[in-house]
Amino acid sequence: MSTRKVKSKAIRAGYDWSIRINFAGSSVSFPSTATFVAQVRRDPTATDILATMTTADLGVQRVDTNTIDLVLAGYKTVNWPERTAYIDVVRTDGGIQHLGFSLAVPVILPITRGVS
């Protein structure tokens, strides 16, 4: 798995978060009929899953052959502590295939929280 650092906005606990990931020029692709699952954990070796995003719940959205959006609803992050969240994506149609990348995203507590 290759590593490439990219700038991303932090996940603010309790607020919606998203990131657009483009893999132009790489072997990673997102066919229109493919389905995906992304899991979020507090560290790569953790057994507990903080959140799951799927194509079915629009947490993983195909934009085009080279691009996906990961969308994390704020209600899934309400009680997260400040630390780093780790995310990766697998393709689930026709067997399970790891896409070969992962994200490490900082989690911060916003000043304004608990507002309804």
Protein backbone atom coordinates (compact mmCIF):
# COMPACT_ATOMS: atom_id res chain seq x y z
CA MET A 1 0.00 0.00 0.00
CA SER A 2 1.51 3.29 -1.05
CA THR A 3 1.36 6.37 1.14
CA ARG A 4 0.50 9.85 -0.03
CA LYS A 5 -0.20 12.70 2.34
CA VAL A 6 -3.03 15.04 1.45
CA LYS A 7 -4.58 17.95 3.29
CA SER A 8 -8.06 17.32 4.63
CA LYS A 9 -10.39 19.08 6.98
CA ALA A 10 -10.60 17.53 10.43
CA ILE A 11 -13.66 15.63 11.58
CA ARG A 12 -15.49 17.89 14.03
CA ALA A 13 -17.28 15.60 16.48
CA GLY A 14 -21.04 15.90 16.06
CA TYR A 15 -20.89 17.60 12.64
CA ASP A 16 -21.13 16.25 9.11
CA TRP A 17 -17.79 15.57 7.39
CA SER A 18 -16.87 14.66 3.84
CA ILE A 19 -13.85 14.28 1.63
CA ARG A 20 -13.51 13.83 -2.13
CA ILE A 21 -10.79 11.39 -3.14
CA ASN A 22 -9.50 11.27 -6.73
CA PHE A 23 -7.25 8.50 -8.04
CA ALA A 24 -6.60 9.73 -11.58
CA GLY A 25 -3.57 7.95 -13.03
CA SER A 26 -3.71 5.03 -10.59
CA SER A 27 -5.04 1.47 -10.75
CA VAL A 28 -7.85 2.29 -8.29
CA SER A 29 -11.19 2.70 -10.04
CA PHE A 30 -14.85 2.99 -9.10
CA PRO A 31 -17.12 1.28 -11.68
CA SER A 32 -20.71 2.51 -11.75
CA THR A 33 -22.11 -0.84 -10.58
CA ALA A 34 -19.63 -1.35 -7.73
CA THR A 35 -20.55 -1.22 -4.04
CA PHE A 36 -18.24 -0.10 -1.25
CA VAL A 37 -17.91 -0.14 2.54
CA ALA A 38 -15.66 2.11 4.62
CA GLN A 39 -15.02 1.57 8.32
CA VAL A 40 -13.72 4.10 10.83
CA ARG A 41 -11.65 2.96 13.81
CA ARG A 42 -9.72 4.77 16.56
CA ASP A 43 -6.55 3.02 15.39
CA PRO A 44 -5.84 0.40 12.71
CA THR A 45 -5.63 -2.44 15.28
CA ALA A 46 -8.82 -1.52 17.19
CA THR A 47 -11.57 -4.13 17.28
CA ASP A 48 -14.41 -1.64 17.82
CA ILE A 49 -15.83 0.17 14.81
CA LEU A 50 -16.61 3.85 15.36
CA ALA A 51 -18.68 4.22 12.19
CA THR A 52 -19.45 2.51 8.91
CA MET A 53 -20.13 4.22 5.57
CA THR A 54 -21.57 2.32 2.59
CA THR A 55 -22.83 2.97 -0.91
CA ALA A 56 -26.29 1.93 0.36
CA ASP A 57 -26.40 4.67 3.03
CA LEU A 58 -24.67 7.22 0.74
CA GLY A 59 -21.61 7.26 2.99
CA VAL A 60 -19.50 6.20 0.00
CA GLN A 61 -20.60 8.01 -3.16
CA ARG A 62 -19.17 7.35 -6.60
CA VAL A 63 -18.52 10.60 -8.47
CA ASP A 64 -16.84 9.10 -11.55
CA THR A 65 -14.49 6.25 -12.50
CA ASN A 66 -11.59 7.82 -10.57
CA THR A 67 -13.37 9.68 -7.76
CA ILE A 68 -15.42 8.92 -4.64
CA ASP A 69 -16.80 11.03 -1.83
CA LEU A 70 -16.75 9.73 1.73
CA VAL A 71 -19.60 11.28 3.75
CA LEU A 72 -19.85 10.87 7.51
CA ALA A 73 -23.06 12.03 9.16
CA GLY A 74 -22.55 14.13 12.28
CA TYR A 75 -24.76 11.93 14.47
CA LYS A 76 -22.22 9.10 14.02
CA THR A 77 -19.42 11.20 15.56
CA VAL A 78 -21.21 12.90 18.48
CA ASN A 79 -19.25 11.28 21.31
CA TRP A 80 -15.87 10.89 19.63
CA PRO A 81 -12.87 12.10 21.64
CA GLU A 82 -10.13 14.24 20.16
CA ARG A 83 -7.67 11.89 18.46
CA THR A 84 -7.12 10.45 14.99
CA ALA A 85 -9.70 8.41 13.09
CA TYR A 86 -8.51 5.78 10.61
CA ILE A 87 -10.55 4.95 7.52
CA ASP A 88 -10.18 2.56 4.62
CA VAL A 89 -12.48 1.40 1.83
CA VAL A 90 -13.26 -2.05 0.43
CA ARG A 91 -15.21 -3.03 -2.65
CA THR A 92 -17.98 -5.48 -1.78
CA ASP A 93 -19.59 -6.56 -5.05
CA GLY A 94 -18.21 -9.80 -6.46
CA GLY A 95 -16.13 -10.58 -3.37
CA ILE A 96 -14.29 -8.37 -0.88
CA GLN A 97 -11.42 -6.32 -2.32
CA HIS A 98 -9.34 -3.83 -0.31
CA LEU A 99 -8.68 -0.75 -2.43
CA GLY A 100 -5.16 -0.30 -1.10
CA PHE A 101 -5.42 3.04 0.66
CA SER A 102 -6.25 4.34 4.11
CA LEU A 103 -6.83 7.74 5.67
CA ALA A 104 -5.76 9.12 9.04
CA VAL A 105 -8.00 12.09 9.87
CA PRO A 106 -7.76 14.24 13.00
CA VAL A 107 -10.87 14.48 15.18
CA ILE A 108 -11.42 17.72 17.09
CA LEU A 109 -14.08 18.86 19.52
CA PRO A 110 -15.85 21.97 18.25
CA ILE A 111 -16.53 24.81 20.66
CA THR A 112 -20.22 24.85 19.70
CA ARG A 113 -21.74 21.41 20.27
CA GLY A 114 -24.93 19.85 21.58
CA VAL A 115 -27.11 22.33 19.68
CA SER A 116 -30.36 20.96 18.31
